[in-house]
Amino acid sequence: MKSSIRLPKFWVLATAQIVLVVACAVVWFYFRTVAYLAGPPDPDTYAWNWGFQLVAFTIVWLPALLVCTGILLVIERAALAPYYHARALQVGRHVR
């Protein structure tokens, strides 16, 4: 029995996954920063504002999350390659 699952193009899946990861990271950044700034004062007064937290997030956490997502996308592409290749062959047969 053939599978009736039809996946969209890979770039659509990859874009959706990257957007979802960035959206979750921004929400996580917001709640983490609110919790940090609401806590007891820290001796590092330079870190006690939104600007520093945003810069630290964009330099440290966001690139790390994007690299991990990129690695995951490479693995997913390798896992889905046979499916996309078979589909391309099947579409090629119908065109002739």
PDB file of N, CA and C in Angstrom:
ATOM      1  N   MET A   1       0.837  -1.174   0.000  1.00  0.00           N
ATOM      2  CA  MET A   1       0.000   0.000   0.000  1.00  0.00           C
ATOM      3  C   MET A   1       0.885   1.241   0.000  1.00  0.00           C
ATOM      4  N   LYS A   2       0.611   2.145  -0.906  1.00  0.00           N
ATOM      5  CA  LYS A   2       1.410   3.361  -1.009  1.00  0.00           C
ATOM      6  C   LYS A   2       1.001   4.360   0.065  1.00  0.00           C
ATOM      7  N   SER A   3       1.964   5.115   0.484  1.00  0.00           N
ATOM      8  CA  SER A   3       1.697   6.153   1.473  1.00  0.00           C
ATOM      9  C   SER A   3       1.085   7.365   0.771  1.00  0.00           C
ATOM     10  N   SER A   4       0.057   7.911   1.377  1.00  0.00           N
ATOM     11  CA  SER A   4      -0.606   9.068   0.770  1.00  0.00           C
ATOM     12  C   SER A   4      -0.127  10.387   1.365  1.00  0.00           C
ATOM     13  N   ILE A   5       0.918  10.325   2.170  1.00  0.00           N
ATOM     14  CA  ILE A   5       1.452  11.549   2.766  1.00  0.00           C
ATOM     15  C   ILE A   5       2.211  12.317   1.695  1.00  0.00           C
ATOM     16  N   ARG A   6       1.876  13.564   1.545  1.00  0.00           N
ATOM     17  CA  ARG A   6       2.547  14.408   0.558  1.00  0.00           C
ATOM     18  C   ARG A   6       3.227  15.566   1.281  1.00  0.00           C
ATOM     19  N   LEU A   7       4.543  15.557   1.252  1.00  0.00           N
ATOM     20  CA  LEU A   7       5.307  16.615   1.906  1.00  0.00           C
ATOM     21  C   LEU A   7       5.471  17.796   0.965  1.00  0.00           C
ATOM     22  N   PRO A   8       5.444  19.006   1.500  1.00  0.00           N
ATOM     23  CA  PRO A   8       5.748  20.169   0.657  1.00  0.00           C
ATOM     24  C   PRO A   8       7.237  20.190   0.327  1.00  0.00           C
ATOM     25  N   LYS A   9       7.620  21.141  -0.486  1.00  0.00           N
ATOM     26  CA  LYS A   9       9.034  21.260  -0.845  1.00  0.00           C
ATOM     27  C   LYS A   9       9.857  21.484   0.411  1.00  0.00           C
ATOM     28  N   PHE A  10      11.106  21.050   0.331  1.00  0.00           N
ATOM     29  CA  PHE A  10      11.956  21.101   1.522  1.00  0.00           C
ATOM     30  C   PHE A  10      12.187  22.519   2.003  1.00  0.00           C
ATOM     31  N   TRP A  11      12.349  23.470   1.088  1.00  0.00           N
ATOM     32  CA  TRP A  11      12.630  24.838   1.529  1.00  0.00           C
ATOM     33  C   TRP A  11      11.454  25.422   2.311  1.00  0.00           C
ATOM     34  N   VAL A  12      10.238  24.968   2.034  1.00  0.00           N
ATOM     35  CA  VAL A  12       9.075  25.428   2.799  1.00  0.00           C
ATOM     36  C   VAL A  12       9.155  24.888   4.229  1.00  0.00           C
ATOM     37  N   LEU A  13       9.491  23.608   4.346  1.00  0.00           N
ATOM     38  CA  LEU A  13       9.647  23.018   5.678  1.00  0.00           C
ATOM     39  C   LEU A  13      10.795  23.670   6.442  1.00  0.00           C
ATOM     40  N   ALA A  14      11.902  23.929   5.761  1.00  0.00           N
ATOM     41  CA  ALA A  14      13.068  24.530   6.409  1.00  0.00           C
ATOM     42  C   ALA A  14      12.762  25.955   6.882  1.00  0.00           C
ATOM     43  N   THR A  15      12.089  26.729   6.028  1.00  0.00           N
ATOM     44  CA  THR A  15      11.738  28.096   6.411  1.00  0.00           C
ATOM     45  C   THR A  15      10.796  28.108   7.607  1.00  0.00           C
ATOM     46  N   ALA A  16       9.815  27.238   7.595  1.00  0.00           N
ATOM     47  CA  ALA A  16       8.879  27.168   8.720  1.00  0.00           C
ATOM     48  C   ALA A  16       9.597  26.777  10.002  1.00  0.00           C
ATOM     49  N   GLN A  17      10.520  25.846   9.898  1.00  0.00           N
ATOM     50  CA  GLN A  17      11.251  25.419  11.083  1.00  0.00           C
ATOM     51  C   GLN A  17      12.140  26.535  11.623  1.00  0.00           C
ATOM     52  N   ILE A  18      12.811  27.267  10.753  1.00  0.00           N
ATOM     53  CA  ILE A  18      13.657  28.372  11.206  1.00  0.00           C
ATOM     54  C   ILE A  18      12.820  29.471  11.847  1.00  0.00           C
ATOM     55  N   VAL A  19      11.690  29.808  11.247  1.00  0.00           N
ATOM     56  CA  VAL A  19      10.802  30.833  11.823  1.00  0.00           C
ATOM     57  C   VAL A  19      10.303  30.392  13.193  1.00  0.00           C
ATOM     58  N   LEU A  20       9.938  29.124  13.323  1.00  0.00           N
ATOM     59  CA  LEU A  20       9.467  28.618  14.607  1.00  0.00           C
ATOM     60  C   LEU A  20      10.561  28.665  15.665  1.00  0.00           C
ATOM     61  N   VAL A  21      11.782  28.302  15.309  1.00  0.00           N
ATOM     62  CA  VAL A  21      12.891  28.332  16.264  1.00  0.00           C
ATOM     63  C   VAL A  21      13.181  29.761  16.703  1.00  0.00           C
ATOM     64  N   VAL A  22      13.199  30.701  15.766  1.00  0.00           N
ATOM     65  CA  VAL A  22      13.466  32.103  16.126  1.00  0.00           C
ATOM     66  C   VAL A  22      12.335  32.658  16.994  1.00  0.00           C
ATOM     67  N   ALA A  23      11.094  32.331  16.671  1.00  0.00           N
ATOM     68  CA  ALA A  23       9.961  32.813  17.483  1.00  0.00           C
ATOM     69  C   ALA A  23      10.039  32.255  18.902  1.00  0.00           C
ATOM     70  N   CYS A  24      10.345  30.978  19.040  1.00  0.00           N
ATOM     71  CA  CYS A  24      10.479  30.381  20.374  1.00  0.00           C
ATOM     72  C   CYS A  24      11.663  30.984  21.126  1.00  0.00           C
ATOM     73  N   ALA A  25      12.751  31.273  20.417  1.00  0.00           N
ATOM     74  CA  ALA A  25      13.921  31.874  21.056  1.00  0.00           C
ATOM     75  C   ALA A  25      13.621  33.277  21.554  1.00  0.00           C
ATOM     76  N   VAL A  26      12.846  34.036  20.798  1.00  0.00           N
ATOM     77  CA  VAL A  26      12.489  35.395  21.226  1.00  0.00           C
ATOM     78  C   VAL A  26      11.589  35.351  22.460  1.00  0.00           C
ATOM     79  N   VAL A  27      10.637  34.437  22.479  1.00  0.00           N
ATOM     80  CA  VAL A  27       9.770  34.300  23.663  1.00  0.00           C
ATOM     81  C   VAL A  27      10.605  33.874  24.863  1.00  0.00           C
ATOM     82  N   TRP A  28      11.500  32.912  24.647  1.00  0.00           N
ATOM     83  CA  TRP A  28      12.376  32.463  25.738  1.00  0.00           C
ATOM     84  C   TRP A  28      13.251  33.611  26.234  1.00  0.00           C
ATOM     85  N   PHE A  29      13.809  34.413  25.314  1.00  0.00           N
ATOM     86  CA  PHE A  29      14.630  35.563  25.689  1.00  0.00           C
ATOM     87  C   PHE A  29      13.833  36.537  26.547  1.00  0.00           C
ATOM     88  N   TYR A  30      12.595  36.823  26.133  1.00  0.00           N
ATOM     89  CA  TYR A  30      11.771  37.776  26.874  1.00  0.00           C
ATOM     90  C   TYR A  30      11.544  37.305  28.313  1.00  0.00           C
ATOM     91  N   PHE A  31      11.072  36.070  28.478  1.00  0.00           N
ATOM     92  CA  PHE A  31      10.761  35.589  29.824  1.00  0.00           C
ATOM     93  C   PHE A  31      12.017  35.400  30.676  1.00  0.00           C
ATOM     94  N   ARG A  32      13.117  34.986  30.051  1.00  0.00           N
ATOM     95  CA  ARG A  32      14.360  34.840  30.796  1.00  0.00           C
ATOM     96  C   ARG A  32      14.868  36.200  31.263  1.00  0.00           C
ATOM     97  N   THR A  33      14.773  37.208  30.403  1.00  0.00           N
ATOM     98  CA  THR A  33      15.252  38.545  30.760  1.00  0.00           C
ATOM     99  C   THR A  33      14.366  39.181  31.820  1.00  0.00           C
ATOM    100  N   VAL A  34      13.059  39.013  31.684  1.00  0.00           N
ATOM    101  CA  VAL A  34      12.148  39.550  32.706  1.00  0.00           C
ATOM    102  C   VAL A  34      12.452  38.923  34.063  1.00  0.00           C
ATOM    103  N   ALA A  35      12.676  37.613  34.096  1.00  0.00           N
ATOM    104  CA  ALA A  35      12.980  36.932  35.361  1.00  0.00           C
ATOM    105  C   ALA A  35      14.322  37.401  35.923  1.00  0.00           C
ATOM    106  N   TYR A  36      15.306  37.589  35.048  1.00  0.00           N
ATOM    107  CA  TYR A  36      16.622  38.044  35.513  1.00  0.00           C
ATOM    108  C   TYR A  36      16.554  39.462  36.063  1.00  0.00           C
ATOM    109  N   LEU A  37      15.880  40.347  35.351  1.00  0.00           N
ATOM    110  CA  LEU A  37      15.810  41.749  35.794  1.00  0.00           C
ATOM    111  C   LEU A  37      14.910  41.932  37.008  1.00  0.00           C
ATOM    112  N   ALA A  38      13.988  41.005  37.243  1.00  0.00           N
ATOM    113  CA  ALA A  38      13.110  41.106  38.408  1.00  0.00           C
ATOM    114  C   ALA A  38      13.751  40.527  39.659  1.00  0.00           C
ATOM    115  N   GLY A  39      14.844  39.813  39.479  1.00  0.00           N
ATOM    116  CA  GLY A  39      15.509  39.181  40.612  1.00  0.00           C
ATOM    117  C   GLY A  39      16.304  40.181  41.435  1.00  0.00           C
ATOM    118  N   PRO A  40      17.014  39.668  42.423  1.00  0.00           N
ATOM    119  CA  PRO A  40      17.832  40.556  43.264  1.00  0.00           C
ATOM    120  C   PRO A  40      18.954  41.188  42.446  1.00  0.00           C
ATOM    121  N   PRO A  41      19.367  42.379  42.829  1.00  0.00           N
ATOM    122  CA  PRO A  41      20.416  43.071  42.083  1.00  0.00           C
ATOM    123  C   PRO A  41      21.695  42.242  41.988  1.00  0.00           C
ATOM    124  N   ASP A  42      22.327  42.371  40.862  1.00  0.00           N
ATOM    125  CA  ASP A  42      23.551  41.642  40.564  1.00  0.00           C
ATOM    126  C   ASP A  42      24.724  42.615  40.701  1.00  0.00           C
ATOM    127  N   PRO A  43      25.881  42.140  41.131  1.00  0.00           N
ATOM    128  CA  PRO A  43      27.024  43.063  41.201  1.00  0.00           C
ATOM    129  C   PRO A  43      27.452  43.566  39.817  1.00  0.00           C
ATOM    130  N   ASP A  44      27.106  42.845  38.775  1.00  0.00           N
ATOM    131  CA  ASP A  44      27.428  43.285  37.412  1.00  0.00           C
ATOM    132  C   ASP A  44      26.361  44.273  36.948  1.00  0.00           C
ATOM    133  N   THR A  45      26.564  45.541  37.251  1.00  0.00           N
ATOM    134  CA  THR A  45      25.537  46.536  36.937  1.00  0.00           C
ATOM    135  C   THR A  45      25.376  46.772  35.440  1.00  0.00           C
ATOM    136  N   TYR A  46      26.414  46.493  34.658  1.00  0.00           N
ATOM    137  CA  TYR A  46      26.307  46.691  33.211  1.00  0.00           C
ATOM    138  C   TYR A  46      25.305  45.707  32.599  1.00  0.00           C
ATOM    139  N   ALA A  47      25.104  44.558  33.233  1.00  0.00           N
ATOM    140  CA  ALA A  47      24.204  43.531  32.695  1.00  0.00           C
ATOM    141  C   ALA A  47      22.771  43.741  33.144  1.00  0.00           C
ATOM    142  N   TRP A  48      22.526  44.794  33.888  1.00  0.00           N
ATOM    143  CA  TRP A  48      21.223  45.000  34.514  1.00  0.00           C
ATOM    144  C   TRP A  48      20.307  45.873  33.650  1.00  0.00           C
ATOM    145  N   ASN A  49      20.313  45.680  32.345  1.00  0.00           N
ATOM    146  CA  ASN A  49      19.397  46.428  31.480  1.00  0.00           C
ATOM    147  C   ASN A  49      19.051  45.601  30.236  1.00  0.00           C
ATOM    148  N   TRP A  50      17.993  46.016  29.564  1.00  0.00           N
ATOM    149  CA  TRP A  50      17.499  45.286  28.395  1.00  0.00           C
ATOM    150  C   TRP A  50      18.483  45.316  27.233  1.00  0.00           C
ATOM    151  N   GLY A  51      19.176  46.431  27.059  1.00  0.00           N
ATOM    152  CA  GLY A  51      20.107  46.556  25.944  1.00  0.00           C
ATOM    153  C   GLY A  51      21.223  45.530  25.996  1.00  0.00           C
ATOM    154  N   PHE A  52      21.832  45.386  27.158  1.00  0.00           N
ATOM    155  CA  PHE A  52      22.909  44.411  27.297  1.00  0.00           C
ATOM    156  C   PHE A  52      22.386  42.999  27.110  1.00  0.00           C
ATOM    157  N   GLN A  53      21.226  42.717  27.663  1.00  0.00           N
ATOM    158  CA  GLN A  53      20.645  41.379  27.528  1.00  0.00           C
ATOM    159  C   GLN A  53      20.344  41.053  26.062  1.00  0.00           C
ATOM    160  N   LEU A  54      19.858  42.044  25.322  1.00  0.00           N
ATOM    161  CA  LEU A  54      19.564  41.834  23.903  1.00  0.00           C
ATOM    162  C   LEU A  54      20.839  41.590  23.107  1.00  0.00           C
ATOM    163  N   VAL A  55      21.883  42.360  23.380  1.00  0.00           N
ATOM    164  CA  VAL A  55      23.151  42.168  22.678  1.00  0.00           C
ATOM    165  C   VAL A  55      23.743  40.800  23.012  1.00  0.00           C
ATOM    166  N   ALA A  56      23.710  40.418  24.269  1.00  0.00           N
ATOM    167  CA  ALA A  56      24.237  39.108  24.662  1.00  0.00           C
ATOM    168  C   ALA A  56      23.438  37.986  23.999  1.00  0.00           C
ATOM    169  N   PHE A  57      22.142  38.152  23.914  1.00  0.00           N
ATOM    170  CA  PHE A  57      21.297  37.141  23.268  1.00  0.00           C
ATOM    171  C   PHE A  57      21.622  37.012  21.790  1.00  0.00           C
ATOM    172  N   THR A  58      21.759  38.144  21.099  1.00  0.00           N
ATOM    173  CA  THR A  58      21.997  38.089  19.659  1.00  0.00           C
ATOM    174  C   THR A  58      23.421  37.639  19.313  1.00  0.00           C
ATOM    175  N   ILE A  59      24.360  37.818  20.232  1.00  0.00           N
ATOM    176  CA  ILE A  59      25.738  37.392  19.968  1.00  0.00           C
ATOM    177  C   ILE A  59      25.970  35.940  20.387  1.00  0.00           C
ATOM    178  N   VAL A  60      25.351  35.499  21.468  1.00  0.00           N
ATOM    179  CA  VAL A  60      25.642  34.180  22.010  1.00  0.00           C
ATOM    180  C   VAL A  60      24.557  33.156  21.660  1.00  0.00           C
ATOM    181  N   TRP A  61      23.327  33.429  22.081  1.00  0.00           N
ATOM    182  CA  TRP A  61      22.292  32.402  21.994  1.00  0.00           C
ATOM    183  C   TRP A  61      21.683  32.242  20.610  1.00  0.00           C
ATOM    184  N   LEU A  62      21.361  33.318  19.950  1.00  0.00           N
ATOM    185  CA  LEU A  62      20.698  33.211  18.652  1.00  0.00           C
ATOM    186  C   LEU A  62      21.563  32.516  17.607  1.00  0.00           C
ATOM    187  N   PRO A  63      22.838  32.853  17.457  1.00  0.00           N
ATOM    188  CA  PRO A  63      23.657  32.109  16.494  1.00  0.00           C
ATOM    189  C   PRO A  63      23.785  30.627  16.848  1.00  0.00           C
ATOM    190  N   ALA A  64      23.892  30.323  18.129  1.00  0.00           N
ATOM    191  CA  ALA A  64      23.992  28.914  18.540  1.00  0.00           C
ATOM    192  C   ALA A  64      22.719  28.156  18.171  1.00  0.00           C
ATOM    193  N   LEU A  65      21.571  28.775  18.388  1.00  0.00           N
ATOM    194  CA  LEU A  65      20.306  28.137  18.022  1.00  0.00           C
ATOM    195  C   LEU A  65      20.188  27.963  16.513  1.00  0.00           C
ATOM    196  N   LEU A  66      20.627  28.950  15.752  1.00  0.00           N
ATOM    197  CA  LEU A  66      20.551  28.848  14.297  1.00  0.00           C
ATOM    198  C   LEU A  66      21.516  27.790  13.750  1.00  0.00           C
ATOM    199  N   VAL A  67      22.682  27.663  14.353  1.00  0.00           N
ATOM    200  CA  VAL A  67      23.619  26.617  13.927  1.00  0.00           C
ATOM    201  C   VAL A  67      23.036  25.236  14.227  1.00  0.00           C
ATOM    202  N   CYS A  68      22.478  25.069  15.409  1.00  0.00           N
ATOM    203  CA  CYS A  68      21.849  23.779  15.753  1.00  0.00           C
ATOM    204  C   CYS A  68      20.684  23.474  14.823  1.00  0.00           C
ATOM    205  N   THR A  69      19.888  24.479  14.489  1.00  0.00           N
ATOM    206  CA  THR A  69      18.784  24.280  13.562  1.00  0.00           C
ATOM    207  C   THR A  69      19.304  23.934  12.171  1.00  0.00           C
ATOM    208  N   GLY A  70      20.372  24.572  11.748  1.00  0.00           N
ATOM    209  CA  GLY A  70      20.973  24.250  10.452  1.00  0.00           C
ATOM    210  C   GLY A  70      21.474  22.818  10.396  1.00  0.00           C
ATOM    211  N   ILE A  71      22.101  22.356  11.463  1.00  0.00           N
ATOM    212  CA  ILE A  71      22.565  20.972  11.522  1.00  0.00           C
ATOM    213  C   ILE A  71      21.381  20.017  11.450  1.00  0.00           C
ATOM    214  N   LEU A  72      20.322  20.342  12.174  1.00  0.00           N
ATOM    215  CA  LEU A  72      19.114  19.521  12.132  1.00  0.00           C
ATOM    216  C   LEU A  72      18.503  19.501  10.733  1.00  0.00           C
ATOM    217  N   LEU A  73      18.519  20.629  10.045  1.00  0.00           N
ATOM    218  CA  LEU A  73      17.983  20.686   8.681  1.00  0.00           C
ATOM    219  C   LEU A  73      18.817  19.852   7.711  1.00  0.00           C
ATOM    220  N   VAL A  74      20.125  19.832   7.887  1.00  0.00           N
ATOM    221  CA  VAL A  74      20.976  18.993   7.041  1.00  0.00           C
ATOM    222  C   VAL A  74      20.638  17.515   7.268  1.00  0.00           C
ATOM    223  N   ILE A  75      20.451  17.138   8.519  1.00  0.00           N
ATOM    224  CA  ILE A  75      20.077  15.750   8.823  1.00  0.00           C
ATOM    225  C   ILE A  75      18.709  15.422   8.236  1.00  0.00           C
ATOM    226  N   GLU A  76      17.759  16.333   8.372  1.00  0.00           N
ATOM    227  CA  GLU A  76      16.427  16.103   7.812  1.00  0.00           C
ATOM    228  C   GLU A  76      16.481  16.001   6.287  1.00  0.00           C
ATOM    229  N   ARG A  77      17.283  16.836   5.653  1.00  0.00           N
ATOM    230  CA  ARG A  77      17.410  16.787   4.200  1.00  0.00           C
ATOM    231  C   ARG A  77      17.972  15.440   3.748  1.00  0.00           C
ATOM    232  N   ALA A  78      18.958  14.955   4.479  1.00  0.00           N
ATOM    233  CA  ALA A  78      19.532  13.652   4.141  1.00  0.00           C
ATOM    234  C   ALA A  78      18.511  12.530   4.347  1.00  0.00           C
ATOM    235  N   ALA A  79      17.702  12.647   5.390  1.00  0.00           N
ATOM    236  CA  ALA A  79      16.702  11.614   5.665  1.00  0.00           C
ATOM    237  C   ALA A  79      15.556  11.659   4.652  1.00  0.00           C
ATOM    238  N   LEU A  80      15.200  12.850   4.183  1.00  0.00           N
ATOM    239  CA  LEU A  80      14.078  12.986   3.241  1.00  0.00           C
ATOM    240  C   LEU A  80      14.506  12.926   1.780  1.00  0.00           C
ATOM    241  N   ALA A  81      15.803  12.882   1.516  1.00  0.00           N
ATOM    242  CA  ALA A  81      16.285  12.862   0.126  1.00  0.00           C
ATOM    243  C   ALA A  81      15.717  11.707  -0.688  1.00  0.00           C
ATOM    244  N   PRO A  82      15.662  10.484  -0.155  1.00  0.00           N
ATOM    245  CA  PRO A  82      15.081   9.402  -0.960  1.00  0.00           C
ATOM    246  C   PRO A  82      13.618   9.663  -1.325  1.00  0.00           C
ATOM    247  N   TYR A  83      12.869  10.239  -0.413  1.00  0.00           N
ATOM    248  CA  TYR A  83      11.465  10.547  -0.692  1.00  0.00           C
ATOM    249  C   TYR A  83      11.349  11.576  -1.812  1.00  0.00           C
ATOM    250  N   TYR A  84      12.125  12.642  -1.725  1.00  0.00           N
ATOM    251  CA  TYR A  84      12.055  13.680  -2.751  1.00  0.00           C
ATOM    252  C   TYR A  84      12.570  13.170  -4.098  1.00  0.00           C
ATOM    253  N   HIS A  85      13.592  12.313  -4.072  1.00  0.00           N
ATOM    254  CA  HIS A  85      14.123  11.756  -5.317  1.00  0.00           C
ATOM    255  C   HIS A  85      13.074  10.849  -5.980  1.00  0.00           C
ATOM    256  N   ALA A  86      12.432  10.007  -5.188  1.00  0.00           N
ATOM    257  CA  ALA A  86      11.391   9.116  -5.734  1.00  0.00           C
ATOM    258  C   ALA A  86      10.227   9.925  -6.272  1.00  0.00           C
ATOM    259  N   ARG A  87       9.893  10.968  -5.601  1.00  0.00           N
ATOM    260  CA  ARG A  87       8.783  11.808  -6.059  1.00  0.00           C
ATOM    261  C   ARG A  87       9.136  12.508  -7.372  1.00  0.00           C
ATOM    262  N   ALA A  88      10.371  12.987  -7.484  1.00  0.00           N
ATOM    263  CA  ALA A  88      10.788  13.643  -8.722  1.00  0.00           C
ATOM    264  C   ALA A  88      10.743  12.663  -9.888  1.00  0.00           C
ATOM    265  N   LEU A  89      11.158  11.420  -9.660  1.00  0.00           N
ATOM    266  CA  LEU A  89      11.075  10.411 -10.706  1.00  0.00           C
ATOM    267  C   LEU A  89       9.633  10.111 -11.091  1.00  0.00           C
ATOM    268  N   GLN A  90       8.768  10.063 -10.091  1.00  0.00           N
ATOM    269  CA  GLN A  90       7.358   9.773 -10.337  1.00  0.00           C
ATOM    270  C   GLN A  90       6.713  10.915 -11.128  1.00  0.00           C
ATOM    271  N   VAL A  91       7.009  12.133 -10.788  1.00  0.00           N
ATOM    272  CA  VAL A  91       6.482  13.288 -11.515  1.00  0.00           C
ATOM    273  C   VAL A  91       7.034  13.311 -12.932  1.00  0.00           C
ATOM    274  N   GLY A  92       8.302  12.932 -13.105  1.00  0.00           N
ATOM    275  CA  GLY A  92       8.909  12.882 -14.421  1.00  0.00           C
ATOM    276  C   GLY A  92       8.233  11.868 -15.334  1.00  0.00           C
ATOM    277  N   ARG A  93       7.787  10.761 -14.776  1.00  0.00           N
ATOM    278  CA  ARG A  93       7.090   9.748 -15.570  1.00  0.00           C
ATOM    279  C   ARG A  93       5.732  10.237 -16.041  1.00  0.00           C
ATOM    280  N   HIS A  94       5.053  11.012 -15.211  1.00  0.00           N
ATOM    281  CA  HIS A  94       3.730  11.503 -15.562  1.00  0.00           C
ATOM    282  C   HIS A  94       3.777  12.612 -16.605  1.00  0.00           C
ATOM    283  N   VAL A  95       4.898  13.310 -16.685  1.00  0.00           N
ATOM    284  CA  VAL A  95       5.017  14.402 -17.630  1.00  0.00           C
ATOM    285  C   VAL A  95       5.154  13.882 -19.051  1.00  0.00           C
ATOM    286  N   ARG A  96       5.836  12.775 -19.211  1.00  0.00           N
ATOM    287  CA  ARG A  96       6.078  12.220 -20.554  1.00  0.00           C
ATOM    288  C   ARG A  96       4.853  11.767 -21.205  1.00  0.00           C
TER     289      ARG A  96
END
